[in-house]
Amino acid sequence: MDKLQNTTRDIARELARKYSTMTHEELDTLESVLVPRKYAKGEMILREGQICEDIFYIEKGLIRQFYYKNDKELTEHIGSDGEIFMCIESLFREEPTHLQVEALEPCTIYSLPKLRLEQVALHNVNIQILYRKILEESLIISQIHADLVRFESAQNRYLRLCKMKPQVVLRAPLVYIASYLQMTPETLSRVRASTLLG
């Protein structure tokens, strides 16, 4: 059990390093909020119709967020080690989500339950800052993706993804990368081939 507690402490430190400076007391508080979870490859982390109640931090693994449109699966987000994900609309409206989240690899994920995080943020200014910065980062990532598919050519979309998320490009199945970049797998194969040649 000790091993797990050390890891939870390490994750609290990792989050503090990334988003906000913290006192020992604030680290203790943040650590108390974190809930470790493990998922097998192919396991659903969140299903359509559930309410998202947590912000998730991926310690290790690969996830994808996707939804169905006209009986087709569309990938909205792919996250890897050290990244945060959530279904933001469901989280704040407390309504069922249209998104689903699947583990593409065995995953170790720490959840931050929103209600608990908000309670402790009332009394800890640095945890407030961490909460705000996580939300800011999430909104920026969504905007970058929206702009990518709106304004960039297929080749530039792929090159930007290689630069921003090299682990995703190496580890995620091509069919999901293509869907995330809003192109067919055939187009992605052509783009990849021309990038390697170029």
N, C-alpha and C. Protein backbone atom coordinates (compact mmCIF):
# COMPACT_ATOMS: atom_id res chain seq x y z
N MET A 1 0.83 -1.21 0.00
CA MET A 1 0.00 0.00 0.00
C MET A 1 0.87 1.26 0.00
N ASP A 2 2.00 1.18 0.71
CA ASP A 2 2.88 2.35 0.78
C ASP A 2 3.29 2.85 -0.60
N LYS A 3 3.56 1.88 -1.48
CA LYS A 3 4.00 2.22 -2.84
C LYS A 3 2.98 3.14 -3.51
N LEU A 4 1.70 2.80 -3.34
CA LEU A 4 0.63 3.58 -3.95
C LEU A 4 0.59 4.99 -3.39
N GLN A 5 0.79 5.11 -2.06
CA GLN A 5 0.77 6.43 -1.43
C GLN A 5 1.92 7.29 -1.94
N ASN A 6 3.09 6.66 -2.08
CA ASN A 6 4.22 7.41 -2.63
C ASN A 6 3.89 7.92 -4.02
N THR A 7 3.27 7.04 -4.81
CA THR A 7 2.95 7.42 -6.17
C THR A 7 1.94 8.57 -6.18
N THR A 8 0.94 8.50 -5.31
CA THR A 8 -0.05 9.58 -5.24
C THR A 8 0.63 10.89 -4.88
N ARG A 9 1.59 10.81 -3.95
CA ARG A 9 2.37 12.00 -3.57
C ARG A 9 3.15 12.53 -4.77
N ASP A 10 3.76 11.60 -5.50
CA ASP A 10 4.53 12.00 -6.69
C ASP A 10 3.64 12.71 -7.71
N ILE A 11 2.43 12.19 -7.88
CA ILE A 11 1.51 12.80 -8.85
C ILE A 11 1.08 14.19 -8.37
N ALA A 12 0.84 14.33 -7.06
CA ALA A 12 0.50 15.65 -6.50
C ALA A 12 1.64 16.63 -6.78
N ARG A 13 2.87 16.17 -6.58
CA ARG A 13 4.05 17.02 -6.86
C ARG A 13 4.13 17.39 -8.34
N GLU A 14 3.89 16.38 -9.17
CA GLU A 14 3.93 16.57 -10.63
C GLU A 14 2.92 17.64 -11.07
N LEU A 15 1.70 17.54 -10.55
CA LEU A 15 0.65 18.51 -10.89
C LEU A 15 1.01 19.90 -10.36
N ALA A 16 1.55 19.95 -9.15
CA ALA A 16 1.95 21.23 -8.57
C ALA A 16 3.06 21.87 -9.40
N ARG A 17 4.01 21.04 -9.82
CA ARG A 17 5.13 21.55 -10.63
C ARG A 17 4.62 22.13 -11.94
N LYS A 18 3.63 21.46 -12.50
CA LYS A 18 3.13 21.85 -13.82
C LYS A 18 2.21 23.08 -13.78
N TYR A 19 1.42 23.17 -12.71
CA TYR A 19 0.35 24.18 -12.72
C TYR A 19 0.43 25.26 -11.64
N SER A 20 1.14 25.01 -10.53
CA SER A 20 1.08 25.96 -9.43
C SER A 20 2.13 25.57 -8.38
N THR A 21 2.68 26.55 -7.68
CA THR A 21 3.59 26.21 -6.57
C THR A 21 2.73 25.94 -5.33
N MET A 22 3.19 25.04 -4.46
CA MET A 22 2.38 24.67 -3.31
C MET A 22 3.21 24.47 -2.06
N THR A 23 2.59 24.78 -0.92
CA THR A 23 3.20 24.48 0.38
C THR A 23 3.03 22.98 0.64
N HIS A 24 3.70 22.48 1.69
CA HIS A 24 3.55 21.06 2.06
C HIS A 24 2.11 20.75 2.41
N GLU A 25 1.44 21.69 3.10
CA GLU A 25 0.05 21.47 3.50
C GLU A 25 -0.85 21.37 2.26
N GLU A 26 -0.59 22.23 1.28
CA GLU A 26 -1.41 22.21 0.06
C GLU A 26 -1.16 20.93 -0.74
N LEU A 27 0.10 20.48 -0.74
CA LEU A 27 0.40 19.19 -1.40
C LEU A 27 -0.34 18.04 -0.71
N ASP A 28 -0.38 18.09 0.63
CA ASP A 28 -1.14 17.07 1.39
C ASP A 28 -2.60 17.09 0.96
N THR A 29 -3.15 18.28 0.84
CA THR A 29 -4.56 18.43 0.48
C THR A 29 -4.81 17.92 -0.93
N LEU A 30 -3.93 18.31 -1.86
CA LEU A 30 -4.08 17.86 -3.24
C LEU A 30 -3.97 16.33 -3.33
N GLU A 31 -3.02 15.80 -2.58
CA GLU A 31 -2.83 14.34 -2.56
C GLU A 31 -4.10 13.64 -2.07
N SER A 32 -4.78 14.24 -1.11
CA SER A 32 -5.99 13.63 -0.55
C SER A 32 -7.16 13.62 -1.55
N VAL A 33 -7.08 14.49 -2.54
CA VAL A 33 -8.14 14.58 -3.56
C VAL A 33 -7.96 13.51 -4.64
N LEU A 34 -6.70 13.15 -4.91
CA LEU A 34 -6.40 12.24 -6.03
C LEU A 34 -6.88 10.81 -5.80
N VAL A 35 -7.51 10.25 -6.82
CA VAL A 35 -7.98 8.86 -6.74
C VAL A 35 -7.31 8.04 -7.85
N PRO A 36 -6.42 7.08 -7.48
CA PRO A 36 -5.75 6.28 -8.51
C PRO A 36 -6.69 5.23 -9.11
N ARG A 37 -6.60 5.05 -10.43
CA ARG A 37 -7.41 4.04 -11.11
C ARG A 37 -6.57 3.37 -12.18
N LYS A 38 -6.87 2.11 -12.43
CA LYS A 38 -6.17 1.40 -13.52
C LYS A 38 -7.20 0.89 -14.51
N TYR A 39 -6.86 0.96 -15.78
CA TYR A 39 -7.75 0.48 -16.84
C TYR A 39 -6.97 -0.43 -17.78
N ALA A 40 -7.61 -1.51 -18.21
CA ALA A 40 -7.01 -2.41 -19.19
C ALA A 40 -7.18 -1.84 -20.59
N LYS A 41 -6.35 -2.28 -21.52
CA LYS A 41 -6.50 -1.87 -22.92
C LYS A 41 -7.92 -2.22 -23.40
N GLY A 42 -8.58 -1.25 -24.01
CA GLY A 42 -9.93 -1.49 -24.54
C GLY A 42 -11.03 -1.21 -23.54
N GLU A 43 -10.66 -0.96 -22.28
CA GLU A 43 -11.68 -0.70 -21.26
C GLU A 43 -12.25 0.72 -21.40
N MET A 44 -13.54 0.87 -21.13
CA MET A 44 -14.16 2.18 -21.20
C MET A 44 -13.96 2.92 -19.88
N ILE A 45 -13.48 4.15 -19.98
CA ILE A 45 -13.27 5.00 -18.80
C ILE A 45 -14.55 5.80 -18.54
N LEU A 46 -15.20 6.18 -19.62
CA LEU A 46 -16.46 6.92 -19.53
C LEU A 46 -17.31 6.53 -20.73
N ARG A 47 -18.59 6.29 -20.47
CA ARG A 47 -19.50 5.91 -21.56
C ARG A 47 -20.48 7.03 -21.86
N GLU A 48 -20.98 7.03 -23.07
CA GLU A 48 -22.03 7.99 -23.44
C GLU A 48 -23.20 7.83 -22.48
N GLY A 49 -23.74 8.96 -22.04
CA GLY A 49 -24.89 8.91 -21.12
C GLY A 49 -24.50 9.02 -19.66
N GLN A 50 -23.20 8.78 -19.35
CA GLN A 50 -22.73 8.99 -17.97
C GLN A 50 -22.46 10.48 -17.75
N ILE A 51 -22.44 10.89 -16.50
CA ILE A 51 -22.07 12.27 -16.18
C ILE A 51 -20.59 12.26 -15.78
N CYS A 52 -19.82 13.11 -16.41
CA CYS A 52 -18.39 13.22 -16.08
C CYS A 52 -18.27 14.02 -14.79
N GLU A 53 -17.72 13.40 -13.75
CA GLU A 53 -17.61 14.07 -12.44
C GLU A 53 -16.16 14.36 -12.06
N ASP A 54 -15.23 14.01 -12.96
CA ASP A 54 -13.81 14.12 -12.62
C ASP A 54 -13.01 14.79 -13.72
N ILE A 55 -11.89 15.36 -13.28
CA ILE A 55 -10.81 15.74 -14.20
C ILE A 55 -9.81 14.58 -14.09
N PHE A 56 -9.29 14.11 -15.21
CA PHE A 56 -8.41 12.93 -15.20
C PHE A 56 -6.99 13.32 -15.61
N TYR A 57 -6.01 12.75 -14.91
CA TYR A 57 -4.60 12.94 -15.24
C TYR A 57 -4.02 11.58 -15.61
N ILE A 58 -3.44 11.49 -16.80
CA ILE A 58 -2.87 10.22 -17.26
C ILE A 58 -1.43 10.13 -16.77
N GLU A 59 -1.19 9.23 -15.83
CA GLU A 59 0.20 9.03 -15.41
C GLU A 59 0.92 8.25 -16.51
N LYS A 60 0.26 7.17 -16.97
CA LYS A 60 0.86 6.34 -18.00
C LYS A 60 -0.25 5.73 -18.83
N GLY A 61 -0.07 5.77 -20.14
CA GLY A 61 -1.06 5.16 -21.01
C GLY A 61 -1.51 6.09 -22.13
N LEU A 62 -2.52 5.63 -22.85
CA LEU A 62 -3.02 6.35 -24.02
C LEU A 62 -4.55 6.21 -24.02
N ILE A 63 -5.24 7.34 -24.18
CA ILE A 63 -6.71 7.29 -24.20
C ILE A 63 -7.21 8.02 -25.45
N ARG A 64 -8.46 7.70 -25.83
CA ARG A 64 -9.10 8.52 -26.86
C ARG A 64 -10.52 8.86 -26.42
N GLN A 65 -10.91 10.09 -26.74
CA GLN A 65 -12.29 10.53 -26.54
C GLN A 65 -12.94 10.51 -27.92
N PHE A 66 -14.13 9.93 -27.99
CA PHE A 66 -14.79 9.84 -29.29
C PHE A 66 -16.30 9.91 -29.13
N TYR A 67 -16.98 10.11 -30.25
CA TYR A 67 -18.45 10.13 -30.24
C TYR A 67 -18.95 9.54 -31.54
N TYR A 68 -20.24 9.24 -31.57
CA TYR A 68 -20.84 8.68 -32.79
C TYR A 68 -21.64 9.75 -33.51
N LYS A 69 -21.46 9.78 -34.84
CA LYS A 69 -22.26 10.69 -35.67
C LYS A 69 -22.62 9.91 -36.93
N ASN A 70 -23.91 9.80 -37.22
CA ASN A 70 -24.38 9.01 -38.36
C ASN A 70 -23.74 7.62 -38.38
N ASP A 71 -23.74 6.97 -37.21
CA ASP A 71 -23.19 5.61 -37.06
C ASP A 71 -21.69 5.52 -37.31
N LYS A 72 -21.02 6.67 -37.33
CA LYS A 72 -19.57 6.65 -37.50
C LYS A 72 -18.91 7.11 -36.21
N GLU A 73 -17.79 6.45 -35.86
CA GLU A 73 -17.02 6.89 -34.69
C GLU A 73 -16.10 8.03 -35.10
N LEU A 74 -16.15 9.12 -34.36
CA LEU A 74 -15.27 10.26 -34.63
C LEU A 74 -14.42 10.53 -33.39
N THR A 75 -13.11 10.56 -33.57
CA THR A 75 -12.18 10.77 -32.46
C THR A 75 -11.98 12.26 -32.25
N GLU A 76 -12.26 12.71 -31.03
CA GLU A 76 -12.15 14.14 -30.72
C GLU A 76 -10.83 14.48 -30.03
N HIS A 77 -10.28 13.52 -29.29
CA HIS A 77 -9.06 13.82 -28.53
C HIS A 77 -8.30 12.51 -28.28
N ILE A 78 -6.98 12.59 -28.36
CA ILE A 78 -6.14 11.45 -27.96
C ILE A 78 -5.13 12.00 -26.95
N GLY A 79 -5.08 11.37 -25.78
CA GLY A 79 -4.19 11.85 -24.73
C GLY A 79 -3.20 10.78 -24.31
N SER A 80 -2.00 11.22 -23.91
CA SER A 80 -0.97 10.27 -23.47
C SER A 80 -0.36 10.72 -22.15
N ASP A 81 0.69 10.02 -21.73
CA ASP A 81 1.35 10.24 -20.43
C ASP A 81 1.50 11.73 -20.10
N GLY A 82 1.13 12.07 -18.86
CA GLY A 82 1.34 13.43 -18.37
C GLY A 82 0.30 14.43 -18.82
N GLU A 83 -0.78 13.95 -19.46
CA GLU A 83 -1.81 14.88 -19.95
C GLU A 83 -3.10 14.76 -19.14
N ILE A 84 -3.86 15.83 -19.21
CA ILE A 84 -5.16 15.93 -18.52
C ILE A 84 -6.26 15.72 -19.56
N PHE A 85 -7.37 15.11 -19.17
CA PHE A 85 -8.54 15.10 -20.04
C PHE A 85 -9.81 15.13 -19.19
N MET A 86 -10.89 15.55 -19.81
CA MET A 86 -12.21 15.60 -19.15
C MET A 86 -13.26 15.79 -20.23
N CYS A 87 -14.51 15.55 -19.89
CA CYS A 87 -15.62 15.92 -20.79
C CYS A 87 -16.19 17.20 -20.21
N ILE A 88 -15.69 18.32 -20.70
CA ILE A 88 -15.84 19.60 -20.00
C ILE A 88 -17.31 20.05 -19.89
N GLU A 89 -18.10 19.82 -20.94
CA GLU A 89 -19.49 20.26 -20.90
C GLU A 89 -20.27 19.46 -19.85
N SER A 90 -20.08 18.15 -19.86
CA SER A 90 -20.75 17.27 -18.89
C SER A 90 -20.30 17.60 -17.47
N LEU A 91 -19.01 17.90 -17.32
CA LEU A 91 -18.43 18.19 -16.00
C LEU A 91 -19.10 19.41 -15.37
N PHE A 92 -19.28 20.47 -16.16
CA PHE A 92 -19.79 21.72 -15.60
C PHE A 92 -21.31 21.84 -15.63
N ARG A 93 -21.94 21.20 -16.58
CA ARG A 93 -23.41 21.24 -16.62
C ARG A 93 -24.04 20.10 -15.81
N GLU A 94 -23.18 19.16 -15.43
CA GLU A 94 -23.65 17.98 -14.69
C GLU A 94 -24.75 17.27 -15.46
N GLU A 95 -24.50 17.15 -16.77
CA GLU A 95 -25.45 16.48 -17.67
C GLU A 95 -24.74 15.30 -18.33
N PRO A 96 -25.52 14.30 -18.80
CA PRO A 96 -24.89 13.15 -19.47
C PRO A 96 -24.03 13.58 -20.66
N THR A 97 -22.90 12.92 -20.83
CA THR A 97 -21.98 13.26 -21.91
C THR A 97 -22.34 12.50 -23.20
N HIS A 98 -22.02 13.13 -24.33
CA HIS A 98 -22.14 12.45 -25.63
C HIS A 98 -20.83 11.75 -25.97
N LEU A 99 -19.78 12.13 -25.24
CA LEU A 99 -18.45 11.58 -25.52
C LEU A 99 -18.24 10.26 -24.79
N GLN A 100 -17.36 9.44 -25.33
CA GLN A 100 -16.93 8.23 -24.64
C GLN A 100 -15.41 8.30 -24.53
N VAL A 101 -14.87 7.67 -23.51
CA VAL A 101 -13.41 7.65 -23.34
C VAL A 101 -12.98 6.20 -23.19
N GLU A 102 -12.01 5.81 -24.03
CA GLU A 102 -11.53 4.42 -24.05
C GLU A 102 -10.03 4.40 -23.81
N ALA A 103 -9.57 3.41 -23.05
CA ALA A 103 -8.13 3.19 -22.85
C ALA A 103 -7.59 2.46 -24.08
N LEU A 104 -6.64 3.08 -24.79
CA LEU A 104 -6.03 2.43 -25.96
C LEU A 104 -4.84 1.56 -25.57
N GLU A 105 -4.36 1.76 -24.35
CA GLU A 105 -3.28 0.94 -23.77
C GLU A 105 -3.66 0.71 -22.31
N PRO A 106 -2.99 -0.21 -21.62
CA PRO A 106 -3.20 -0.28 -20.16
C PRO A 106 -2.85 1.10 -19.57
N CYS A 107 -3.74 1.64 -18.75
CA CYS A 107 -3.57 3.02 -18.26
C CYS A 107 -3.57 3.09 -16.74
N THR A 108 -2.70 3.95 -16.21
CA THR A 108 -2.78 4.36 -14.81
C THR A 108 -3.20 5.82 -14.83
N ILE A 109 -4.37 6.08 -14.25
CA ILE A 109 -4.98 7.41 -14.33
C ILE A 109 -5.35 7.86 -12.91
N TYR A 110 -5.14 9.13 -12.65
CA TYR A 110 -5.55 9.71 -11.37
C TYR A 110 -6.71 10.66 -11.63
N SER A 111 -7.81 10.43 -10.91
CA SER A 111 -8.93 11.34 -11.11
C SER A 111 -8.96 12.37 -9.98
N LEU A 112 -9.40 13.57 -10.36
CA LEU A 112 -9.62 14.66 -9.42
C LEU A 112 -11.12 14.93 -9.43
N PRO A 113 -11.86 14.40 -8.45
CA PRO A 113 -13.30 14.65 -8.43
C PRO A 113 -13.58 16.15 -8.33
N LYS A 114 -14.39 16.66 -9.23
CA LYS A 114 -14.63 18.11 -9.32
C LYS A 114 -15.18 18.69 -8.02
N LEU A 115 -16.16 18.04 -7.41
CA LEU A 115 -16.76 18.59 -6.19
C LEU A 115 -15.74 18.73 -5.08
N ARG A 116 -14.93 17.68 -4.92
CA ARG A 116 -13.89 17.69 -3.87
C ARG A 116 -12.84 18.75 -4.18
N LEU A 117 -12.45 18.85 -5.43
CA LEU A 117 -11.45 19.84 -5.85
C LEU A 117 -11.96 21.26 -5.56
N GLU A 118 -13.22 21.49 -5.87
CA GLU A 118 -13.80 22.83 -5.63
C GLU A 118 -13.88 23.14 -4.14
N GLN A 119 -14.19 22.12 -3.33
CA GLN A 119 -14.24 22.34 -1.87
C GLN A 119 -12.88 22.78 -1.34
N VAL A 120 -11.82 22.04 -1.73
CA VAL A 120 -10.50 22.38 -1.19
C VAL A 120 -9.95 23.66 -1.80
N ALA A 121 -10.37 23.97 -3.03
CA ALA A 121 -9.91 25.21 -3.69
C ALA A 121 -10.41 26.46 -2.95
N LEU A 122 -11.54 26.33 -2.26
CA LEU A 122 -12.09 27.48 -1.50
C LEU A 122 -11.12 27.96 -0.44
N HIS A 123 -10.33 27.03 0.11
CA HIS A 123 -9.45 27.37 1.23
C HIS A 123 -7.97 27.37 0.86
N ASN A 124 -7.65 27.06 -0.39
CA ASN A 124 -6.24 26.95 -0.80
C ASN A 124 -6.05 27.69 -2.12
N VAL A 125 -5.43 28.85 -2.03
CA VAL A 125 -5.33 29.69 -3.23
C VAL A 125 -4.51 29.00 -4.33
N ASN A 126 -3.47 28.25 -3.96
CA ASN A 126 -2.64 27.60 -4.99
C ASN A 126 -3.39 26.45 -5.67
N ILE A 127 -4.30 25.81 -4.94
CA ILE A 127 -5.12 24.77 -5.56
C ILE A 127 -6.14 25.42 -6.50
N GLN A 128 -6.63 26.61 -6.10
CA GLN A 128 -7.50 27.40 -7.01
C GLN A 128 -6.77 27.68 -8.32
N ILE A 129 -5.51 28.11 -8.19
CA ILE A 129 -4.71 28.45 -9.38
C ILE A 129 -4.53 27.20 -10.24
N LEU A 130 -4.20 26.06 -9.60
CA LEU A 130 -4.03 24.79 -10.32
C LEU A 130 -5.31 24.45 -11.09
N TYR A 131 -6.44 24.56 -10.43
CA TYR A 131 -7.75 24.25 -11.03
C TYR A 131 -7.98 25.14 -12.26
N ARG A 132 -7.73 26.43 -12.09
CA ARG A 132 -7.95 27.38 -13.18
C ARG A 132 -7.01 27.08 -14.36
N LYS A 133 -5.75 26.78 -14.05
CA LYS A 133 -4.78 26.53 -15.13
C LYS A 133 -5.08 25.24 -15.89
N ILE A 134 -5.58 24.22 -15.17
CA ILE A 134 -5.99 22.98 -15.83
C ILE A 134 -7.12 23.28 -16.82
N LEU A 135 -8.10 24.08 -16.38
CA LEU A 135 -9.24 24.41 -17.25
C LEU A 135 -8.78 25.26 -18.44
N GLU A 136 -7.90 26.21 -18.17
CA GLU A 136 -7.35 27.04 -19.27
C GLU A 136 -6.66 26.16 -20.30
N GLU A 137 -5.82 25.24 -19.82
CA GLU A 137 -5.09 24.36 -20.71
C GLU A 137 -6.05 23.52 -21.56
N SER A 138 -7.09 23.01 -20.92
CA SER A 138 -8.08 22.19 -21.63
C SER A 138 -8.76 22.98 -22.75
N LEU A 139 -9.13 24.22 -22.45
CA LEU A 139 -9.79 25.07 -23.45
C LEU A 139 -8.84 25.40 -24.60
N ILE A 140 -7.58 25.67 -24.27
CA ILE A 140 -6.58 25.99 -25.30
C ILE A 140 -6.36 24.79 -26.22
N ILE A 141 -6.26 23.56 -25.62
CA ILE A 141 -6.07 22.35 -26.43
C ILE A 141 -7.25 22.17 -27.40
N SER A 142 -8.48 22.40 -26.90
CA SER A 142 -9.67 22.29 -27.76
C SER A 142 -9.62 23.30 -28.90
N GLN A 143 -9.19 24.52 -28.58
CA GLN A 143 -9.12 25.58 -29.60
C GLN A 143 -8.04 25.26 -30.65
N ILE A 144 -6.90 24.75 -30.19
CA ILE A 144 -5.82 24.40 -31.12
C ILE A 144 -6.31 23.32 -32.10
N HIS A 145 -7.02 22.33 -31.57
CA HIS A 145 -7.53 21.26 -32.42
C HIS A 145 -8.57 21.80 -33.41
N ALA A 146 -9.47 22.66 -32.92
CA ALA A 146 -10.49 23.25 -33.80
C ALA A 146 -9.83 24.05 -34.93
N ASP A 147 -8.82 24.84 -34.59
CA ASP A 147 -8.13 25.65 -35.61
C ASP A 147 -7.35 24.78 -36.59
N LEU A 148 -6.77 23.71 -36.05
CA LEU A 148 -5.99 22.79 -36.87
C LEU A 148 -6.85 22.22 -38.00
N VAL A 149 -8.02 21.69 -37.65
CA VAL A 149 -8.86 21.06 -38.68
C VAL A 149 -9.58 22.10 -39.54
N ARG A 150 -9.71 23.31 -39.01
CA ARG A 150 -10.41 24.35 -39.76
C ARG A 150 -9.51 25.01 -40.81
N PHE A 151 -8.27 25.26 -40.43
CA PHE A 151 -7.42 26.12 -41.26
C PHE A 151 -6.25 25.44 -41.95
N GLU A 152 -5.82 24.29 -41.44
CA GLU A 152 -4.57 23.70 -41.96
C GLU A 152 -4.84 22.64 -43.03
N SER A 153 -3.89 22.51 -43.95
CA SER A 153 -3.97 21.44 -44.96
C SER A 153 -3.74 20.10 -44.25
N ALA A 154 -4.08 19.01 -44.94
CA ALA A 154 -3.91 17.67 -44.37
C ALA A 154 -2.46 17.45 -43.92
N GLN A 155 -1.53 17.84 -44.78
CA GLN A 155 -0.11 17.63 -44.46
C GLN A 155 0.30 18.43 -43.22
N ASN A 156 -0.13 19.71 -43.17
CA ASN A 156 0.23 20.54 -42.01
C ASN A 156 -0.41 20.04 -40.72
N ARG A 157 -1.64 19.51 -40.83
CA ARG A 157 -2.30 18.94 -39.65
C ARG A 157 -1.43 17.82 -39.06
N TYR A 158 -0.98 16.96 -39.97
CA TYR A 158 -0.17 15.82 -39.52
C TYR A 158 1.16 16.29 -38.93
N LEU A 159 1.82 17.23 -39.60
CA LEU A 159 3.12 17.73 -39.12
C LEU A 159 2.99 18.42 -37.77
N ARG A 160 1.90 19.19 -37.60
CA ARG A 160 1.67 19.86 -36.31
C ARG A 160 1.46 18.83 -35.21
N LEU A 161 0.70 17.77 -35.53
CA LEU A 161 0.46 16.73 -34.55
C LEU A 161 1.77 16.04 -34.15
N CYS A 162 2.62 15.78 -35.14
CA CYS A 162 3.94 15.16 -34.86
C CYS A 162 4.74 16.02 -33.88
N LYS A 163 4.63 17.33 -34.05
CA LYS A 163 5.38 18.25 -33.20
C LYS A 163 4.76 18.36 -31.81
N MET A 164 3.41 18.46 -31.77
CA MET A 164 2.71 18.67 -30.50
C MET A 164 2.59 17.39 -29.68
N LYS A 165 2.34 16.27 -30.36
CA LYS A 165 2.06 15.01 -29.64
C LYS A 165 2.81 13.85 -30.28
N PRO A 166 4.14 13.87 -30.21
CA PRO A 166 4.91 12.79 -30.86
C PRO A 166 4.56 11.40 -30.34
N GLN A 167 4.23 11.29 -29.04
CA GLN A 167 3.89 9.98 -28.48
C GLN A 167 2.60 9.42 -29.08
N VAL A 168 1.65 10.31 -29.33
CA VAL A 168 0.38 9.89 -29.93
C VAL A 168 0.63 9.35 -31.34
N VAL A 169 1.46 10.05 -32.10
CA VAL A 169 1.75 9.63 -33.48
C VAL A 169 2.44 8.25 -33.48
N LEU A 170 3.30 8.02 -32.50
CA LEU A 170 4.02 6.74 -32.43
C LEU A 170 3.14 5.59 -31.94
N ARG A 171 2.21 5.89 -31.04
CA ARG A 171 1.52 4.82 -30.31
C ARG A 171 0.06 4.59 -30.70
N ALA A 172 -0.63 5.61 -31.20
CA ALA A 172 -2.07 5.44 -31.48
C ALA A 172 -2.30 4.76 -32.83
N PRO A 173 -3.33 3.91 -32.93
CA PRO A 173 -3.67 3.32 -34.23
C PRO A 173 -3.98 4.40 -35.27
N LEU A 174 -3.51 4.15 -36.50
CA LEU A 174 -3.65 5.15 -37.58
C LEU A 174 -5.10 5.57 -37.81
N VAL A 175 -6.02 4.63 -37.67
CA VAL A 175 -7.43 4.93 -37.94
C VAL A 175 -7.93 6.03 -36.98
N TYR A 176 -7.44 6.04 -35.74
CA TYR A 176 -7.86 7.05 -34.77
C TYR A 176 -7.15 8.38 -35.01
N ILE A 177 -5.88 8.30 -35.41
CA ILE A 177 -5.15 9.54 -35.75
C ILE A 177 -5.83 10.22 -36.94
N ALA A 178 -6.18 9.44 -37.94
CA ALA A 178 -6.86 9.98 -39.12
C ALA A 178 -8.17 10.65 -38.72
N SER A 179 -8.96 9.98 -37.89
CA SER A 179 -10.24 10.53 -37.45
C SER A 179 -10.03 11.83 -36.66
N TYR A 180 -9.03 11.83 -35.77
CA TYR A 180 -8.72 13.03 -34.98
C TYR A 180 -8.34 14.21 -35.88
N LEU A 181 -7.62 13.91 -36.94
CA LEU A 181 -7.18 14.97 -37.88
C LEU A 181 -8.23 15.24 -38.97
N GLN A 182 -9.37 14.57 -38.86
CA GLN A 182 -10.48 14.72 -39.81
C GLN A 182 -10.04 14.48 -41.25
N MET A 183 -9.44 13.30 -41.45
CA MET A 183 -9.10 12.86 -42.80
C MET A 183 -9.30 11.35 -42.87
N THR A 184 -9.34 10.82 -44.08
CA THR A 184 -9.51 9.37 -44.21
C THR A 184 -8.17 8.68 -43.92
N PRO A 185 -8.19 7.41 -43.52
CA PRO A 185 -6.93 6.69 -43.32
C PRO A 185 -6.06 6.69 -44.59
N GLU A 186 -6.71 6.67 -45.77
CA GLU A 186 -5.96 6.68 -47.05
C GLU A 186 -5.19 8.00 -47.20
N THR A 187 -5.88 9.11 -46.89
CA THR A 187 -5.21 10.42 -46.96
C THR A 187 -4.05 10.47 -45.97
N LEU A 188 -4.28 9.98 -44.76
CA LEU A 188 -3.21 9.98 -43.76
C LEU A 188 -2.01 9.16 -44.24
N SER A 189 -2.28 8.00 -44.83
CA SER A 189 -1.18 7.17 -45.36
C SER A 189 -0.38 7.92 -46.41
N ARG A 190 -1.09 8.62 -47.30
CA ARG A 190 -0.41 9.41 -48.35
C ARG A 190 0.43 10.52 -47.73
N VAL A 191 -0.16 11.22 -46.76
CA VAL A 191 0.54 12.33 -46.09
C VAL A 191 1.79 11.81 -45.39
N ARG A 192 1.65 10.71 -44.67
CA ARG A 192 2.80 10.12 -43.97
C ARG A 192 3.90 9.72 -44.95
N ALA A 193 3.50 9.10 -46.06
CA ALA A 193 4.49 8.67 -47.06
C ALA A 193 5.23 9.87 -47.64
N SER A 194 4.48 10.94 -47.97
CA SER A 194 5.13 12.11 -48.57
C SER A 194 6.01 12.82 -47.54
N THR A 195 5.62 12.77 -46.26
CA THR A 195 6.43 13.39 -45.18
C THR A 195 7.74 12.63 -45.03
N LEU A 196 7.67 11.30 -45.09
CA LEU A 196 8.89 10.48 -44.96
C LEU A 196 9.81 10.69 -46.15
N LEU A 197 9.21 10.83 -47.35
CA LEU A 197 10.01 11.06 -48.56
C LEU A 197 10.62 12.45 -48.55
N GLY A 198 9.77 13.41 -48.08
CA GLY A 198 10.21 14.81 -48.11
C GLY A 198 11.27 15.05 -47.08
